[in-house]
Full PDB file with SEQRES, HELIX, SHEET, SSBOND, CRYST1, ORIGX, SCALE, CONECT and MASTER records, all heavy atoms in Angstrom:
SEQRES   1 A   34  LEU SER CYS LEU ARG GLU MET LEU TYR ASP ALA ASN ALA          
SEQRES   2 A   34  VAL PRO SER SER LYS ALA GLU LEU ILE ILE GLY VAL LYS          
SEQRES   3 A   34  PHE ASN GLY ALA GLU LEU LEU CYS                              
HELIX    1 AA1 SER A    2  LEU A    8  1                                   7    
HELIX    2 AA2 SER A   16  ILE A   23  1                                   8    
HELIX    3 AA3 PHE A   27  LEU A   33  1                                   7    
CRYST1    1.000    1.000    1.000  90.00  90.00  90.00 P 1           1          
ORIGX1      1.000000  0.000000  0.000000        0.00000                         
ORIGX2      0.000000  1.000000  0.000000        0.00000                         
ORIGX3      0.000000  0.000000  1.000000        0.00000                         
SCALE1      1.000000  0.000000  0.000000        0.00000                         
SCALE2      0.000000  1.000000  0.000000        0.00000                         
SCALE3      0.000000  0.000000  1.000000        0.00000                         
ATOM      1  N   LEU A   1     118.592 101.601  90.284  1.00  0.00           N  
ATOM      2  CA  LEU A   1     119.384 102.016  91.414  1.00  0.00           C  
ATOM      3  C   LEU A   1     119.865 103.479  91.020  1.00  0.00           C  
ATOM      4  O   LEU A   1     119.858 104.356  92.007  1.00  0.00           O  
ATOM      5  CB  LEU A   1     120.477 101.278  91.811  1.00  0.00           C  
ATOM      6  CG  LEU A   1     120.028  99.914  92.442  1.00  0.00           C  
ATOM      7  CD1 LEU A   1     121.226  98.979  92.650  1.00  0.00           C  
ATOM      8  CD2 LEU A   1     119.288 100.144  93.719  1.00  0.00           C  
ATOM      9  N   SER A   2     120.227 103.751  89.822  1.00  0.00           N  
ATOM     10  CA  SER A   2     120.698 105.107  89.387  1.00  0.00           C  
ATOM     11  C   SER A   2     119.508 106.114  89.589  1.00  0.00           C  
ATOM     12  O   SER A   2     119.656 107.237  90.079  1.00  0.00           O  
ATOM     13  CB  SER A   2     121.184 105.132  87.997  1.00  0.00           C  
ATOM     14  OG  SER A   2     122.314 104.358  87.839  1.00  0.00           O  
ATOM     15  N   CYS A   3     118.392 105.645  89.133  1.00  0.00           N  
ATOM     16  CA  CYS A   3     117.131 106.584  89.365  1.00  0.00           C  
ATOM     17  C   CYS A   3     116.773 106.883  90.712  1.00  0.00           C  
ATOM     18  O   CYS A   3     116.512 107.977  91.043  1.00  0.00           O  
ATOM     19  CB  CYS A   3     115.998 105.993  88.575  1.00  0.00           C  
ATOM     20  SG  CYS A   3     116.060 106.005  86.732  1.00  0.00           S  
ATOM     21  N   LEU A   4     116.873 105.867  91.545  1.00  0.00           N  
ATOM     22  CA  LEU A   4     116.576 106.013  92.993  1.00  0.00           C  
ATOM     23  C   LEU A   4     117.629 106.821  93.643  1.00  0.00           C  
ATOM     24  O   LEU A   4     117.249 107.772  94.414  1.00  0.00           O  
ATOM     25  CB  LEU A   4     116.406 104.671  93.612  1.00  0.00           C  
ATOM     26  CG  LEU A   4     116.059 104.675  95.102  1.00  0.00           C  
ATOM     27  CD1 LEU A   4     114.670 105.334  95.355  1.00  0.00           C  
ATOM     28  CD2 LEU A   4     116.095 103.372  95.777  1.00  0.00           C  
ATOM     29  N   ARG A   5     118.949 106.626  93.421  1.00  0.00           N  
ATOM     30  CA  ARG A   5     119.925 107.427  93.966  1.00  0.00           C  
ATOM     31  C   ARG A   5     119.805 108.871  93.524  1.00  0.00           C  
ATOM     32  O   ARG A   5     120.093 109.783  94.325  1.00  0.00           O  
ATOM     33  CB  ARG A   5     121.306 106.862  93.689  1.00  0.00           C  
ATOM     34  CG  ARG A   5     121.635 105.520  94.299  1.00  0.00           C  
ATOM     35  CD  ARG A   5     122.919 105.021  93.787  1.00  0.00           C  
ATOM     36  NE  ARG A   5     123.988 105.904  94.315  1.00  0.00           N  
ATOM     37  CZ  ARG A   5     124.720 105.637  95.353  1.00  0.00           C  
ATOM     38  NH1 ARG A   5     124.507 104.687  96.153  1.00  0.00           N  
ATOM     39  NH2 ARG A   5     125.705 106.506  95.786  1.00  0.00           N  
ATOM     40  N   GLU A   6     119.556 109.093  92.255  1.00  0.00           N  
ATOM     41  CA  GLU A   6     119.353 110.509  91.746  1.00  0.00           C  
ATOM     42  C   GLU A   6     118.238 111.193  92.499  1.00  0.00           C  
ATOM     43  O   GLU A   6     118.435 112.318  92.854  1.00  0.00           O  
ATOM     44  CB  GLU A   6     119.171 110.467  90.301  1.00  0.00           C  
ATOM     45  CG  GLU A   6     119.066 111.766  89.652  1.00  0.00           C  
ATOM     46  CD  GLU A   6     120.403 112.611  89.774  1.00  0.00           C  
ATOM     47  OE1 GLU A   6     121.407 112.040  89.735  1.00  0.00           O  
ATOM     48  OE2 GLU A   6     120.244 113.914  89.942  1.00  0.00           O  
ATOM     49  N   MET A   7     117.226 110.498  92.727  1.00  0.00           N  
ATOM     50  CA  MET A   7     116.007 110.999  93.413  1.00  0.00           C  
ATOM     51  C   MET A   7     116.314 111.321  94.855  1.00  0.00           C  
ATOM     52  O   MET A   7     115.970 112.394  95.347  1.00  0.00           O  
ATOM     53  CB  MET A   7     114.863 110.088  93.354  1.00  0.00           C  
ATOM     54  CG  MET A   7     113.575 110.591  94.012  1.00  0.00           C  
ATOM     55  SD  MET A   7     112.197 109.431  93.952  1.00  0.00           S  
ATOM     56  CE  MET A   7     111.951 109.507  92.176  1.00  0.00           C  
ATOM     57  N   LEU A   8     117.058 110.593  95.548  1.00  0.00           N  
ATOM     58  CA  LEU A   8     117.326 110.707  96.958  1.00  0.00           C  
ATOM     59  C   LEU A   8     118.526 111.689  97.292  1.00  0.00           C  
ATOM     60  O   LEU A   8     118.511 112.421  98.222  1.00  0.00           O  
ATOM     61  CB  LEU A   8     117.561 109.354  97.607  1.00  0.00           C  
ATOM     62  CG  LEU A   8     116.421 108.376  97.560  1.00  0.00           C  
ATOM     63  CD1 LEU A   8     116.877 107.153  98.226  1.00  0.00           C  
ATOM     64  CD2 LEU A   8     115.224 108.917  98.132  1.00  0.00           C  
ATOM     65  N   TYR A   9     119.566 111.639  96.443  1.00  0.00           N  
ATOM     66  CA  TYR A   9     120.849 112.222  96.910  1.00  0.00           C  
ATOM     67  C   TYR A   9     121.505 113.222  95.931  1.00  0.00           C  
ATOM     68  O   TYR A   9     122.228 114.067  96.312  1.00  0.00           O  
ATOM     69  CB  TYR A   9     121.905 111.153  97.083  1.00  0.00           C  
ATOM     70  CG  TYR A   9     121.581 110.094  98.049  1.00  0.00           C  
ATOM     71  CD1 TYR A   9     121.510 108.771  97.575  1.00  0.00           C  
ATOM     72  CD2 TYR A   9     121.271 110.300  99.408  1.00  0.00           C  
ATOM     73  CE1 TYR A   9     121.169 107.670  98.470  1.00  0.00           C  
ATOM     74  CE2 TYR A   9     120.877 109.267 100.239  1.00  0.00           C  
ATOM     75  CZ  TYR A   9     120.922 108.004  99.800  1.00  0.00           C  
ATOM     76  OH  TYR A   9     120.588 106.945 100.581  1.00  0.00           O  
ATOM     77  N   ASP A  10     121.299 113.044  94.597  1.00  0.00           N  
ATOM     78  CA  ASP A  10     122.253 113.653  93.721  1.00  0.00           C  
ATOM     79  C   ASP A  10     121.710 115.050  93.208  1.00  0.00           C  
ATOM     80  O   ASP A  10     120.950 115.634  93.926  1.00  0.00           O  
ATOM     81  CB  ASP A  10     122.514 112.811  92.481  1.00  0.00           C  
ATOM     82  CG  ASP A  10     123.282 111.516  92.927  1.00  0.00           C  
ATOM     83  OD1 ASP A  10     124.055 111.567  93.930  1.00  0.00           O  
ATOM     84  OD2 ASP A  10     123.154 110.504  92.204  1.00  0.00           O  
ATOM     85  N   ALA A  11     122.241 115.571  92.107  1.00  0.00           N  
ATOM     86  CA  ALA A  11     121.987 116.864  91.687  1.00  0.00           C  
ATOM     87  C   ALA A  11     120.463 117.270  91.624  1.00  0.00           C  
ATOM     88  O   ALA A  11     120.111 118.402  91.873  1.00  0.00           O  
ATOM     89  CB  ALA A  11     122.685 117.164  90.373  1.00  0.00           C  
ATOM     90  N   ASN A  12     119.661 116.303  91.141  1.00  0.00           N  
ATOM     91  CA  ASN A  12     118.255 116.606  91.016  1.00  0.00           C  
ATOM     92  C   ASN A  12     117.489 116.049  92.075  1.00  0.00           C  
ATOM     93  O   ASN A  12     116.251 115.701  91.924  1.00  0.00           O  
ATOM     94  CB  ASN A  12     117.813 116.108  89.617  1.00  0.00           C  
ATOM     95  CG  ASN A  12     118.334 116.916  88.487  1.00  0.00           C  
ATOM     96  OD1 ASN A  12     118.384 118.167  88.545  1.00  0.00           O  
ATOM     97  ND2 ASN A  12     118.725 116.190  87.522  1.00  0.00           N  
ATOM     98  N   ALA A  13     117.970 115.790  93.251  1.00  0.00           N  
ATOM     99  CA  ALA A  13     117.215 115.193  94.414  1.00  0.00           C  
ATOM    100  C   ALA A  13     115.987 115.951  94.753  1.00  0.00           C  
ATOM    101  O   ALA A  13     116.016 117.156  94.664  1.00  0.00           O  
ATOM    102  CB  ALA A  13     118.173 115.021  95.608  1.00  0.00           C  
ATOM    103  N   VAL A  14     114.947 115.284  95.038  1.00  0.00           N  
ATOM    104  CA  VAL A  14     113.704 115.893  95.433  1.00  0.00           C  
ATOM    105  C   VAL A  14     113.596 115.920  96.996  1.00  0.00           C  
ATOM    106  O   VAL A  14     114.269 115.041  97.525  1.00  0.00           O  
ATOM    107  CB  VAL A  14     112.512 115.166  94.744  1.00  0.00           C  
ATOM    108  CG1 VAL A  14     112.516 115.105  93.382  1.00  0.00           C  
ATOM    109  CG2 VAL A  14     112.388 113.685  95.305  1.00  0.00           C  
ATOM    110  N   PRO A  15     112.880 116.794  97.552  1.00  0.00           N  
ATOM    111  CA  PRO A  15     112.771 116.810  99.006  1.00  0.00           C  
ATOM    112  C   PRO A  15     112.216 115.501  99.491  1.00  0.00           C  
ATOM    113  O   PRO A  15     111.474 114.738  98.849  1.00  0.00           O  
ATOM    114  CB  PRO A  15     111.599 117.894  99.293  1.00  0.00           C  
ATOM    115  CG  PRO A  15     111.691 118.776  98.073  1.00  0.00           C  
ATOM    116  CD  PRO A  15     112.028 117.815  96.905  1.00  0.00           C  
ATOM    117  N   SER A  16     112.752 115.009 100.647  1.00  0.00           N  
ATOM    118  CA  SER A  16     112.313 113.737 101.119  1.00  0.00           C  
ATOM    119  C   SER A  16     110.873 113.447 101.244  1.00  0.00           C  
ATOM    120  O   SER A  16     110.389 112.325 100.986  1.00  0.00           O  
ATOM    121  CB  SER A  16     113.029 113.475 102.492  1.00  0.00           C  
ATOM    122  OG  SER A  16     112.605 114.329 103.454  1.00  0.00           O  
ATOM    123  N   SER A  17     110.078 114.385 101.535  1.00  0.00           N  
ATOM    124  CA  SER A  17     108.717 114.241 101.658  1.00  0.00           C  
ATOM    125  C   SER A  17     108.056 113.987 100.271  1.00  0.00           C  
ATOM    126  O   SER A  17     107.095 113.273 100.158  1.00  0.00           O  
ATOM    127  CB  SER A  17     108.087 115.596 102.284  1.00  0.00           C  
ATOM    128  OG  SER A  17     108.325 116.769 101.508  1.00  0.00           O  
ATOM    129  N   LYS A  18     108.551 114.648  99.228  1.00  0.00           N  
ATOM    130  CA  LYS A  18     108.074 114.410  97.867  1.00  0.00           C  
ATOM    131  C   LYS A  18     108.534 112.994  97.369  1.00  0.00           C  
ATOM    132  O   LYS A  18     107.754 112.261  96.735  1.00  0.00           O  
ATOM    133  CB  LYS A  18     108.675 115.463  96.895  1.00  0.00           C  
ATOM    134  CG  LYS A  18     108.110 115.248  95.493  1.00  0.00           C  
ATOM    135  CD  LYS A  18     108.498 116.419  94.637  1.00  0.00           C  
ATOM    136  CE  LYS A  18     107.914 116.251  93.245  1.00  0.00           C  
ATOM    137  NZ  LYS A  18     108.354 117.261  92.254  1.00  0.00           N  
ATOM    138  N   ALA A  19     109.802 112.730  97.720  1.00  0.00           N  
ATOM    139  CA  ALA A  19     110.285 111.308  97.416  1.00  0.00           C  
ATOM    140  C   ALA A  19     109.426 110.190  97.983  1.00  0.00           C  
ATOM    141  O   ALA A  19     109.109 109.257  97.285  1.00  0.00           O  
ATOM    142  CB  ALA A  19     111.683 111.190  97.757  1.00  0.00           C  
ATOM    143  N   GLU A  20     109.007 110.411  99.261  1.00  0.00           N  
ATOM    144  CA  GLU A  20     108.007 109.470  99.863  1.00  0.00           C  
ATOM    145  C   GLU A  20     106.829 109.247  99.097  1.00  0.00           C  
ATOM    146  O   GLU A  20     106.300 108.148  98.919  1.00  0.00           O  
ATOM    147  CB  GLU A  20     107.859 109.822 101.365  1.00  0.00           C  
ATOM    148  CG  GLU A  20     109.094 109.705 102.101  1.00  0.00           C  
ATOM    149  CD  GLU A  20     108.884 110.296 103.609  1.00  0.00           C  
ATOM    150  OE1 GLU A  20     107.797 110.593 103.986  1.00  0.00           O  
ATOM    151  OE2 GLU A  20     109.948 110.350 104.269  1.00  0.00           O  
ATOM    152  N   LEU A  21     106.236 110.353  98.638  1.00  0.00           N  
ATOM    153  CA  LEU A  21     104.979 110.326  97.868  1.00  0.00           C  
ATOM    154  C   LEU A  21     105.188 109.705  96.472  1.00  0.00           C  
ATOM    155  O   LEU A  21     104.281 108.921  96.020  1.00  0.00           O  
ATOM    156  CB  LEU A  21     104.503 111.828  97.603  1.00  0.00           C  
ATOM    157  CG  LEU A  21     103.882 112.489  98.804  1.00  0.00           C  
ATOM    158  CD1 LEU A  21     103.671 113.922  98.495  1.00  0.00           C  
ATOM    159  CD2 LEU A  21     102.757 111.786  99.483  1.00  0.00           C  
ATOM    160  N   ILE A  22     106.349 109.863  95.864  1.00  0.00           N  
ATOM    161  CA  ILE A  22     106.562 109.316  94.553  1.00  0.00           C  
ATOM    162  C   ILE A  22     106.786 107.775  94.571  1.00  0.00           C  
ATOM    163  O   ILE A  22     106.204 106.992  93.810  1.00  0.00           O  
ATOM    164  CB  ILE A  22     107.774 109.970  93.952  1.00  0.00           C  
ATOM    165  CG1 ILE A  22     107.525 111.490  93.618  1.00  0.00           C  
ATOM    166  CG2 ILE A  22     108.228 109.247  92.597  1.00  0.00           C  
ATOM    167  CD1 ILE A  22     108.812 112.247  93.313  1.00  0.00           C  
ATOM    168  N   ILE A  23     107.615 107.361  95.570  1.00  0.00           N  
ATOM    169  CA  ILE A  23     108.066 105.941  95.653  1.00  0.00           C  
ATOM    170  C   ILE A  23     107.211 105.130  96.591  1.00  0.00           C  
ATOM    171  O   ILE A  23     107.300 103.850  96.528  1.00  0.00           O  
ATOM    172  CB  ILE A  23     109.511 105.783  95.892  1.00  0.00           C  
ATOM    173  CG1 ILE A  23     109.961 106.441  97.197  1.00  0.00           C  
ATOM    174  CG2 ILE A  23     110.325 106.296  94.714  1.00  0.00           C  
ATOM    175  CD1 ILE A  23     111.350 106.268  97.571  1.00  0.00           C  
ATOM    176  N   GLY A  24     106.539 105.747  97.406  1.00  0.00           N  
ATOM    177  CA  GLY A  24     105.514 104.937  98.310  1.00  0.00           C  
ATOM    178  C   GLY A  24     106.125 104.471  99.697  1.00  0.00           C  
ATOM    179  O   GLY A  24     105.444 103.694 100.288  1.00  0.00           O  
ATOM    180  N   VAL A  25     107.349 104.836 100.047  1.00  0.00           N  
ATOM    181  CA  VAL A  25     107.942 104.418 101.317  1.00  0.00           C  
ATOM    182  C   VAL A  25     108.690 105.694 101.795  1.00  0.00           C  
ATOM    183  O   VAL A  25     109.076 106.593 101.165  1.00  0.00           O  
ATOM    184  CB  VAL A  25     108.932 103.264 101.030  1.00  0.00           C  
ATOM    185  CG1 VAL A  25     108.201 102.012 100.582  1.00  0.00           C  
ATOM    186  CG2 VAL A  25     110.118 103.539 100.209  1.00  0.00           C  
ATOM    187  N   LYS A  26     108.957 105.509 103.099  1.00  0.00           N  
ATOM    188  CA  LYS A  26     109.674 106.586 103.863  1.00  0.00           C  
ATOM    189  C   LYS A  26     111.121 106.640 103.235  1.00  0.00           C  
ATOM    190  O   LYS A  26     111.683 105.645 102.817  1.00  0.00           O  
ATOM    191  CB  LYS A  26     109.712 106.371 105.289  1.00  0.00           C  
ATOM    192  CG  LYS A  26     108.383 106.378 105.929  1.00  0.00           C  
ATOM    193  CD  LYS A  26     108.324 107.249 107.214  1.00  0.00           C  
ATOM    194  CE  LYS A  26     106.956 107.381 107.784  1.00  0.00           C  
ATOM    195  NZ  LYS A  26     106.376 108.635 107.392  1.00  0.00           N  
ATOM    196  N   PHE A  27     111.604 107.857 103.355  1.00  0.00           N  
ATOM    197  CA  PHE A  27     113.062 108.118 102.788  1.00  0.00           C  
ATOM    198  C   PHE A  27     113.946 107.163 103.360  1.00  0.00           C  
ATOM    199  O   PHE A  27     114.904 106.604 102.638  1.00  0.00           O  
ATOM    200  CB  PHE A  27     113.439 109.591 103.178  1.00  0.00           C  
ATOM    201  CG  PHE A  27     114.745 110.004 102.532  1.00  0.00           C  
ATOM    202  CD1 PHE A  27     114.739 110.531 101.270  1.00  0.00           C  
ATOM    203  CD2 PHE A  27     115.843 109.880 103.337  1.00  0.00           C  
ATOM    204  CE1 PHE A  27     116.058 110.929 100.794  1.00  0.00           C  
ATOM    205  CE2 PHE A  27     117.064 110.315 102.799  1.00  0.00           C  
ATOM    206  CZ  PHE A  27     117.178 110.877 101.567  1.00  0.00           C  
ATOM    207  N   ASN A  28     113.963 106.883 104.676  1.00  0.00           N  
ATOM    208  CA  ASN A  28     114.928 105.975 105.264  1.00  0.00           C  
ATOM    209  C   ASN A  28     114.862 104.566 104.776  1.00  0.00           C  
ATOM    210  O   ASN A  28     115.797 103.872 104.640  1.00  0.00           O  
ATOM    211  CB  ASN A  28     114.747 105.933 106.788  1.00  0.00           C  
ATOM    212  CG  ASN A  28     115.054 107.258 107.529  1.00  0.00           C  
ATOM    213  OD1 ASN A  28     115.672 108.063 106.977  1.00  0.00           O  
ATOM    214  ND2 ASN A  28     114.671 107.487 108.673  1.00  0.00           N  
ATOM    215  N   GLY A  29     113.687 104.131 104.446  1.00  0.00           N  
ATOM    216  CA  GLY A  29     113.468 102.782 103.875  1.00  0.00           C  
ATOM    217  C   GLY A  29     114.042 102.763 102.486  1.00  0.00           C  
ATOM    218  O   GLY A  29     114.633 101.762 102.059  1.00  0.00           O  
ATOM    219  N   ALA A  30     113.781 103.860 101.697  1.00  0.00           N  
ATOM    220  CA  ALA A  30     114.380 103.839 100.327  1.00  0.00           C  
ATOM    221  C   ALA A  30     115.870 103.897 100.355  1.00  0.00           C  
ATOM    222  O   ALA A  30     116.560 103.235  99.485  1.00  0.00           O  
ATOM    223  CB  ALA A  30     113.832 105.120  99.643  1.00  0.00           C  
ATOM    224  N   GLU A  31     116.497 104.581 101.265  1.00  0.00           N  
ATOM    225  CA  GLU A  31     117.925 104.649 101.477  1.00  0.00           C  
ATOM    226  C   GLU A  31     118.578 103.227 101.686  1.00  0.00           C  
ATOM    227  O   GLU A  31     119.612 102.951 101.137  1.00  0.00           O  
ATOM    228  CB  GLU A  31     118.364 105.486 102.637  1.00  0.00           C  
ATOM    229  CG  GLU A  31     118.286 106.908 102.451  1.00  0.00           C  
ATOM    230  CD  GLU A  31     118.890 107.613 103.682  1.00  0.00           C  
ATOM    231  OE1 GLU A  31     118.483 107.296 104.846  1.00  0.00           O  
ATOM    232  OE2 GLU A  31     119.823 108.489 103.524  1.00  0.00           O  
ATOM    233  N   LEU A  32     117.809 102.314 102.237  1.00  0.00           N  
ATOM    234  CA  LEU A  32     118.366 100.991 102.381  1.00  0.00           C  
ATOM    235  C   LEU A  32     118.597 100.298 101.056  1.00  0.00           C  
ATOM    236  O   LEU A  32     119.441  99.379 100.986  1.00  0.00           O  
ATOM    237  CB  LEU A  32     117.360 100.105 103.296  1.00  0.00           C  
ATOM    238  CG  LEU A  32     117.205 100.690 104.801  1.00  0.00           C  
ATOM    239  CD1 LEU A  32     116.176  99.798 105.499  1.00  0.00           C  
ATOM    240  CD2 LEU A  32     118.590 100.582 105.524  1.00  0.00           C  
ATOM    241  N   LEU A  33     117.841 100.636 100.057  1.00  0.00           N  
ATOM    242  CA  LEU A  33     117.969  99.927  98.765  1.00  0.00           C  
ATOM    243  C   LEU A  33     119.255 100.425  98.039  1.00  0.00           C  
ATOM    244  O   LEU A  33     119.755  99.762  97.104  1.00  0.00           O  
ATOM    245  CB  LEU A  33     116.789 100.242  97.838  1.00  0.00           C  
ATOM    246  CG  LEU A  33     115.515  99.599  98.327  1.00  0.00           C  
ATOM    247  CD1 LEU A  33     114.353 100.116  97.511  1.00  0.00           C  
ATOM    248  CD2 LEU A  33     115.665  98.018  98.183  1.00  0.00           C  
ATOM    249  N   CYS A  34     119.721 101.696  98.514  1.00  0.00           N  
ATOM    250  CA  CYS A  34     120.914 102.238  97.751  1.00  0.00           C  
ATOM    251  C   CYS A  34     122.174 101.599  98.327  1.00  0.00           C  
ATOM    252  O   CYS A  34     123.180 101.615  97.833  1.00  0.00           O  
ATOM    253  CB  CYS A  34     120.857 103.724  97.822  1.00  0.00           C  
ATOM    254  SG  CYS A  34     119.589 104.517  96.990  1.00  0.00           S  
TER     255      CYS A  34                                                      
MASTER        0    0    0    3    0    0    0    6  254    1    0    3          
END                                                                             
C-alpha cells in the first residue's frame, strides 16, 4: 500500500497515464485500494 500510494499521490507520484501502464488498471480503480 505504501508503494501504491507513493505512485499515485505522494512526492514521487507518476502521471496517472503512466501509473495505469505500470499497474495495469485505471487510476480511479487503483485509488480504491488506497
